[in-house]
PDB file of N, CA and C in Angstrom:
ATOM      1  N   MET A   1      14.775  24.317  11.061  1.00  0.00           N
ATOM      2  CA  MET A   1      14.271  23.490   9.988  1.00  0.00           C
ATOM      3  C   MET A   1      14.232  22.051  10.472  1.00  0.00           C
ATOM      4  N   SER A   2      13.065  21.440  10.427  1.00  0.00           N
ATOM      5  CA  SER A   2      12.957  20.075  10.912  1.00  0.00           C
ATOM      6  C   SER A   2      13.044  19.101   9.746  1.00  0.00           C
ATOM      7  N   SER A   3      13.743  18.037   9.988  1.00  0.00           N
ATOM      8  CA  SER A   3      13.901  17.002   8.972  1.00  0.00           C
ATOM      9  C   SER A   3      13.202  15.747   9.460  1.00  0.00           C
ATOM     10  N   THR A   4      12.109  15.378   8.787  1.00  0.00           N
ATOM     11  CA  THR A   4      11.391  14.174   9.173  1.00  0.00           C
ATOM     12  C   THR A   4      11.514  13.149   8.066  1.00  0.00           C
ATOM     13  N   THR A   5      11.788  11.937   8.465  1.00  0.00           N
ATOM     14  CA  THR A   5      11.884  10.845   7.514  1.00  0.00           C
ATOM     15  C   THR A   5      10.572  10.081   7.535  1.00  0.00           C
ATOM     16  N   ARG A   6       9.905  10.084   6.410  1.00  0.00           N
ATOM     17  CA  ARG A   6       8.646   9.354   6.316  1.00  0.00           C
ATOM     18  C   ARG A   6       8.902   8.042   5.600  1.00  0.00           C
ATOM     19  N   THR A   7       8.423   6.967   6.177  1.00  0.00           N
ATOM     20  CA  THR A   7       8.609   5.657   5.581  1.00  0.00           C
ATOM     21  C   THR A   7       7.258   5.059   5.218  1.00  0.00           C
ATOM     22  N   PHE A   8       7.290   4.078   4.362  1.00  0.00           N
ATOM     23  CA  PHE A   8       6.079   3.352   4.026  1.00  0.00           C
ATOM     24  C   PHE A   8       5.803   2.337   5.117  1.00  0.00           C
ATOM     25  N   CYS A   9       4.601   2.373   5.659  1.00  0.00           N
ATOM     26  CA  CYS A   9       4.173   1.419   6.676  1.00  0.00           C
ATOM     27  C   CYS A   9       2.786   0.912   6.303  1.00  0.00           C
ATOM     28  N   ARG A  10       2.511  -0.353   6.611  1.00  0.00           N
ATOM     29  CA  ARG A  10       1.180  -0.896   6.387  1.00  0.00           C
ATOM     30  C   ARG A  10       0.216  -0.293   7.399  1.00  0.00           C
ATOM     31  N   SER A  11      -0.962   0.034   6.961  1.00  0.00           N
ATOM     32  CA  SER A  11      -1.965   0.652   7.823  1.00  0.00           C
ATOM     33  C   SER A  11      -2.594  -0.394   8.740  1.00  0.00           C
ATOM     34  N   ARG A  12      -2.785  -0.026   9.994  1.00  0.00           N
ATOM     35  CA  ARG A  12      -3.485  -0.906  10.935  1.00  0.00           C
ATOM     36  C   ARG A  12      -4.990  -0.698  10.876  1.00  0.00           C
ATOM     37  N   HIS A  13      -5.410   0.501  10.517  1.00  0.00           N
ATOM     38  CA  HIS A  13      -6.820   0.846  10.597  1.00  0.00           C
ATOM     39  C   HIS A  13      -7.521   0.844   9.239  1.00  0.00           C
ATOM     40  N   ASP A  14      -6.802   1.133   8.193  1.00  0.00           N
ATOM     41  CA  ASP A  14      -7.396   1.222   6.863  1.00  0.00           C
ATOM     42  C   ASP A  14      -6.868   0.069   6.025  1.00  0.00           C
ATOM     43  N   ARG A  15      -7.414  -1.124   6.269  1.00  0.00           N
ATOM     44  CA  ARG A  15      -6.923  -2.302   5.570  1.00  0.00           C
ATOM     45  C   ARG A  15      -8.071  -3.168   5.108  1.00  0.00           C
ATOM     46  N   MET A  16      -7.823  -3.826   3.990  1.00  0.00           N
ATOM     47  CA  MET A  16      -8.766  -4.819   3.489  1.00  0.00           C
ATOM     48  C   MET A  16      -8.133  -6.206   3.623  1.00  0.00           C
ATOM     49  N   ILE A  17      -6.872  -6.334   3.231  1.00  0.00           N
ATOM     50  CA  ILE A  17      -6.157  -7.603   3.348  1.00  0.00           C
ATOM     51  C   ILE A  17      -4.994  -7.431   4.316  1.00  0.00           C
ATOM     52  N   ALA A  18      -3.970  -6.718   3.897  1.00  0.00           N
ATOM     53  CA  ALA A  18      -2.774  -6.570   4.740  1.00  0.00           C
ATOM     54  C   ALA A  18      -2.454  -5.127   5.074  1.00  0.00           C
ATOM     55  N   GLY A  19      -3.176  -4.183   4.510  1.00  0.00           N
ATOM     56  CA  GLY A  19      -2.928  -2.775   4.791  1.00  0.00           C
ATOM     57  C   GLY A  19      -1.906  -2.123   3.879  1.00  0.00           C
ATOM     58  N   VAL A  20      -1.491  -2.815   2.829  1.00  0.00           N
ATOM     59  CA  VAL A  20      -0.483  -2.266   1.914  1.00  0.00           C
ATOM     60  C   VAL A  20      -1.041  -1.051   1.175  1.00  0.00           C
ATOM     61  N   CYS A  21      -2.200  -1.173   0.568  1.00  0.00           N
ATOM     62  CA  CYS A  21      -2.789  -0.044  -0.161  1.00  0.00           C
ATOM     63  C   CYS A  21      -3.135   1.097   0.787  1.00  0.00           C
ATOM     64  N   GLY A  22      -3.627   0.771   1.967  1.00  0.00           N
ATOM     65  CA  GLY A  22      -3.918   1.800   2.962  1.00  0.00           C
ATOM     66  C   GLY A  22      -2.666   2.524   3.409  1.00  0.00           C
ATOM     67  N   GLY A  23      -1.561   1.802   3.543  1.00  0.00           N
ATOM     68  CA  GLY A  23      -0.296   2.411   3.925  1.00  0.00           C
ATOM     69  C   GLY A  23       0.263   3.312   2.845  1.00  0.00           C
ATOM     70  N   ILE A  24       0.144   2.882   1.612  1.00  0.00           N
ATOM     71  CA  ILE A  24       0.598   3.708   0.491  1.00  0.00           C
ATOM     72  C   ILE A  24      -0.245   4.984   0.427  1.00  0.00           C
ATOM     73  N   ALA A  25      -1.555   4.839   0.581  1.00  0.00           N
ATOM     74  CA  ALA A  25      -2.439   6.003   0.550  1.00  0.00           C
ATOM     75  C   ALA A  25      -2.132   6.952   1.705  1.00  0.00           C
ATOM     76  N   LEU A  26      -1.862   6.424   2.868  1.00  0.00           N
ATOM     77  CA  LEU A  26      -1.536   7.256   4.026  1.00  0.00           C
ATOM     78  C   LEU A  26      -0.245   8.032   3.786  1.00  0.00           C
ATOM     79  N   ARG A  27       0.752   7.384   3.254  1.00  0.00           N
ATOM     80  CA  ARG A  27       2.062   8.005   3.009  1.00  0.00           C
ATOM     81  C   ARG A  27       1.987   9.095   1.951  1.00  0.00           C
ATOM     82  N   MET A  28       1.194   8.847   0.913  1.00  0.00           N
ATOM     83  CA  MET A  28       1.109   9.780  -0.210  1.00  0.00           C
ATOM     84  C   MET A  28      -0.017  10.796  -0.049  1.00  0.00           C
ATOM     85  N   HIS A  29      -0.803  10.683   1.029  1.00  0.00           N
ATOM     86  CA  HIS A  29      -1.947  11.554   1.283  1.00  0.00           C
ATOM     87  C   HIS A  29      -2.979  11.437   0.168  1.00  0.00           C
ATOM     88  N   TRP A  30      -3.249  10.203  -0.244  1.00  0.00           N
ATOM     89  CA  TRP A  30      -4.240   9.907  -1.267  1.00  0.00           C
ATOM     90  C   TRP A  30      -5.426   9.213  -0.625  1.00  0.00           C
ATOM     91  N   ASN A  31      -6.496   9.095  -1.375  1.00  0.00           N
ATOM     92  CA  ASN A  31      -7.676   8.378  -0.928  1.00  0.00           C
ATOM     93  C   ASN A  31      -7.406   6.870  -1.046  1.00  0.00           C
ATOM     94  N   PRO A  32      -7.575   6.105   0.040  1.00  0.00           N
ATOM     95  CA  PRO A  32      -7.304   4.664  -0.005  1.00  0.00           C
ATOM     96  C   PRO A  32      -8.173   3.914  -1.008  1.00  0.00           C
ATOM     97  N   VAL A  33      -9.383   4.374  -1.234  1.00  0.00           N
ATOM     98  CA  VAL A  33     -10.267   3.722  -2.199  1.00  0.00           C
ATOM     99  C   VAL A  33      -9.688   3.847  -3.610  1.00  0.00           C
ATOM    100  N   LEU A  34      -9.113   4.997  -3.920  1.00  0.00           N
ATOM    101  CA  LEU A  34      -8.498   5.180  -5.239  1.00  0.00           C
ATOM    102  C   LEU A  34      -7.269   4.284  -5.404  1.00  0.00           C
ATOM    103  N   VAL A  35      -6.467   4.163  -4.365  1.00  0.00           N
ATOM    104  CA  VAL A  35      -5.278   3.304  -4.440  1.00  0.00           C
ATOM    105  C   VAL A  35      -5.704   1.854  -4.667  1.00  0.00           C
ATOM    106  N   ARG A  36      -6.719   1.409  -3.941  1.00  0.00           N
ATOM    107  CA  ARG A  36      -7.220   0.044  -4.138  1.00  0.00           C
ATOM    108  C   ARG A  36      -7.795  -0.137  -5.541  1.00  0.00           C
ATOM    109  N   GLY A  37      -8.502   0.888  -6.032  1.00  0.00           N
ATOM    110  CA  GLY A  37      -9.069   0.819  -7.380  1.00  0.00           C
ATOM    111  C   GLY A  37      -7.987   0.712  -8.442  1.00  0.00           C
ATOM    112  N   VAL A  38      -6.927   1.495  -8.301  1.00  0.00           N
ATOM    113  CA  VAL A  38      -5.806   1.413  -9.241  1.00  0.00           C
ATOM    114  C   VAL A  38      -5.166   0.032  -9.164  1.00  0.00           C
ATOM    115  N   PHE A  39      -5.023  -0.494  -7.957  1.00  0.00           N
ATOM    116  CA  PHE A  39      -4.453  -1.832  -7.789  1.00  0.00           C
ATOM    117  C   PHE A  39      -5.295  -2.869  -8.530  1.00  0.00           C
ATOM    118  N   VAL A  40      -6.608  -2.800  -8.385  1.00  0.00           N
ATOM    119  CA  VAL A  40      -7.493  -3.774  -9.036  1.00  0.00           C
ATOM    120  C   VAL A  40      -7.426  -3.637 -10.553  1.00  0.00           C
ATOM    121  N   VAL A  41      -7.438  -2.407 -11.055  1.00  0.00           N
ATOM    122  CA  VAL A  41      -7.367  -2.195 -12.511  1.00  0.00           C
ATOM    123  C   VAL A  41      -6.046  -2.733 -13.058  1.00  0.00           C
ATOM    124  N   LEU A  42      -4.939  -2.437 -12.373  1.00  0.00           N
ATOM    125  CA  LEU A  42      -3.641  -2.958 -12.813  1.00  0.00           C
ATOM    126  C   LEU A  42      -3.605  -4.476 -12.749  1.00  0.00           C
ATOM    127  N   ALA A  43      -4.181  -5.040 -11.707  1.00  0.00           N
ATOM    128  CA  ALA A  43      -4.194  -6.496 -11.571  1.00  0.00           C
ATOM    129  C   ALA A  43      -4.970  -7.139 -12.713  1.00  0.00           C
ATOM    130  N   LEU A  44      -6.111  -6.578 -13.050  1.00  0.00           N
ATOM    131  CA  LEU A  44      -6.903  -7.131 -14.151  1.00  0.00           C
ATOM    132  C   LEU A  44      -6.228  -6.913 -15.499  1.00  0.00           C
ATOM    133  N   ALA A  45      -5.558  -5.797 -15.667  1.00  0.00           N
ATOM    134  CA  ALA A  45      -4.901  -5.494 -16.940  1.00  0.00           C
ATOM    135  C   ALA A  45      -3.669  -6.360 -17.176  1.00  0.00           C
ATOM    136  N   THR A  46      -3.033  -6.813 -16.096  1.00  0.00           N
ATOM    137  CA  THR A  46      -1.811  -7.613 -16.246  1.00  0.00           C
ATOM    138  C   THR A  46      -2.043  -9.082 -15.892  1.00  0.00           C
ATOM    139  N   PHE A  47      -3.295  -9.488 -15.913  1.00  0.00           N
ATOM    140  CA  PHE A  47      -3.659 -10.874 -15.622  1.00  0.00           C
ATOM    141  C   PHE A  47      -3.253 -11.295 -14.213  1.00  0.00           C
ATOM    142  N   LEU A  48      -3.285 -10.369 -13.268  1.00  0.00           N
ATOM    143  CA  LEU A  48      -3.167 -10.565 -11.830  1.00  0.00           C
ATOM    144  C   LEU A  48      -1.782 -10.898 -11.315  1.00  0.00           C
ATOM    145  N   LEU A  49      -1.036 -11.746 -11.967  1.00  0.00           N
ATOM    146  CA  LEU A  49       0.208 -12.270 -11.397  1.00  0.00           C
ATOM    147  C   LEU A  49       1.258 -11.208 -11.060  1.00  0.00           C
ATOM    148  N   PRO A  50       1.652 -10.307 -11.962  1.00  0.00           N
ATOM    149  CA  PRO A  50       2.701  -9.343 -11.597  1.00  0.00           C
ATOM    150  C   PRO A  50       2.295  -8.430 -10.433  1.00  0.00           C
ATOM    151  N   VAL A  51       1.059  -7.961 -10.440  1.00  0.00           N
ATOM    152  CA  VAL A  51       0.604  -7.062  -9.387  1.00  0.00           C
ATOM    153  C   VAL A  51       0.466  -7.813  -8.070  1.00  0.00           C
ATOM    154  N   ALA A  52       0.007  -9.053  -8.124  1.00  0.00           N
ATOM    155  CA  ALA A  52      -0.102  -9.854  -6.904  1.00  0.00           C
ATOM    156  C   ALA A  52       1.278 -10.113  -6.305  1.00  0.00           C
ATOM    157  N   LEU A  53       2.276 -10.345  -7.132  1.00  0.00           N
ATOM    158  CA  LEU A  53       3.637 -10.545  -6.628  1.00  0.00           C
ATOM    159  C   LEU A  53       4.177  -9.274  -5.977  1.00  0.00           C
ATOM    160  N   VAL A  54       3.934  -8.121  -6.592  1.00  0.00           N
ATOM    161  CA  VAL A  54       4.367  -6.849  -6.005  1.00  0.00           C
ATOM    162  C   VAL A  54       3.674  -6.634  -4.667  1.00  0.00           C
ATOM    163  N   TYR A  55       2.385  -6.939  -4.592  1.00  0.00           N
ATOM    164  CA  TYR A  55       1.644  -6.775  -3.346  1.00  0.00           C
ATOM    165  C   TYR A  55       2.227  -7.680  -2.253  1.00  0.00           C
ATOM    166  N   LEU A  56       2.504  -8.923  -2.586  1.00  0.00           N
ATOM    167  CA  LEU A  56       3.079  -9.851  -1.602  1.00  0.00           C
ATOM    168  C   LEU A  56       4.461  -9.397  -1.136  1.00  0.00           C
ATOM    169  N   ILE A  57       5.257  -8.908  -2.050  1.00  0.00           N
ATOM    170  CA  ILE A  57       6.593  -8.417  -1.678  1.00  0.00           C
ATOM    171  C   ILE A  57       6.470  -7.201  -0.759  1.00  0.00           C
ATOM    172  N   LEU A  58       5.559  -6.281  -1.095  1.00  0.00           N
ATOM    173  CA  LEU A  58       5.350  -5.117  -0.236  1.00  0.00           C
ATOM    174  C   LEU A  58       4.828  -5.534   1.130  1.00  0.00           C
ATOM    175  N   TRP A  59       3.963  -6.545   1.180  1.00  0.00           N
ATOM    176  CA  TRP A  59       3.444  -7.044   2.437  1.00  0.00           C
ATOM    177  C   TRP A  59       4.574  -7.537   3.332  1.00  0.00           C
ATOM    178  N   LEU A  60       5.543  -8.186   2.735  1.00  0.00           N
ATOM    179  CA  LEU A  60       6.671  -8.715   3.498  1.00  0.00           C
ATOM    180  C   LEU A  60       7.670  -7.621   3.898  1.00  0.00           C
ATOM    181  N   LEU A  61       7.866  -6.629   3.030  1.00  0.00           N
ATOM    182  CA  LEU A  61       8.880  -5.605   3.288  1.00  0.00           C
ATOM    183  C   LEU A  61       8.392  -4.429   4.126  1.00  0.00           C
ATOM    184  N   MET A  62       7.129  -4.082   4.013  1.00  0.00           N
ATOM    185  CA  MET A  62       6.603  -2.936   4.748  1.00  0.00           C
ATOM    186  C   MET A  62       6.324  -3.335   6.193  1.00  0.00           C
ATOM    187  N   SER A  63       6.780  -2.507   7.113  1.00  0.00           N
ATOM    188  CA  SER A  63       6.509  -2.791   8.519  1.00  0.00           C
ATOM    189  C   SER A  63       5.112  -2.315   8.883  1.00  0.00           C
ATOM    190  N   GLU A  64       4.618  -2.771  10.025  1.00  0.00           N
ATOM    191  CA  GLU A  64       3.307  -2.380  10.508  1.00  0.00           C
ATOM    192  C   GLU A  64       3.318  -0.906  10.881  1.00  0.00           C
ATOM    193  N   GLU A  65       2.172  -0.249  10.798  1.00  0.00           N
ATOM    194  CA  GLU A  65       2.067   1.174  11.129  1.00  0.00           C
ATOM    195  C   GLU A  65       2.568   1.433  12.536  1.00  0.00           C
ATOM    196  N   GLY A  66       3.238   2.548  12.704  1.00  0.00           N
ATOM    197  CA  GLY A  66       3.824   2.892  13.974  1.00  0.00           C
ATOM    198  C   GLY A  66       5.343   2.823  13.916  1.00  0.00           C
ATOM    199  N   CYS A  67       5.877   2.681  12.705  1.00  0.00           N
ATOM    200  CA  CYS A  67       7.328   2.565  12.536  1.00  0.00           C
ATOM    201  C   CYS A  67       8.006   3.908  12.577  1.00  0.00           C
TER     202      CYS A  67
END
C-alpha cells in the first residue's frame, strides 16, 4: 500500500496571474477554467476584497509546482 502526500502547489503551466487557481484545479482534478470562474463569481459577490485577500495569502503560502 503506497502512501502519497499531495500538497497544494501553484501551477507553472496553467496560470493567469500566479497559478493559484491552476494549482487548486490540478490538486483537485478539476477544470482550471471552472476554478477561475468560481473565483471571479465569489469576488464579484463579496465586493472583491475578501476573495482577493485569500488569493494573495494563498499566493504567498503555496509553493511553486514541483514541491
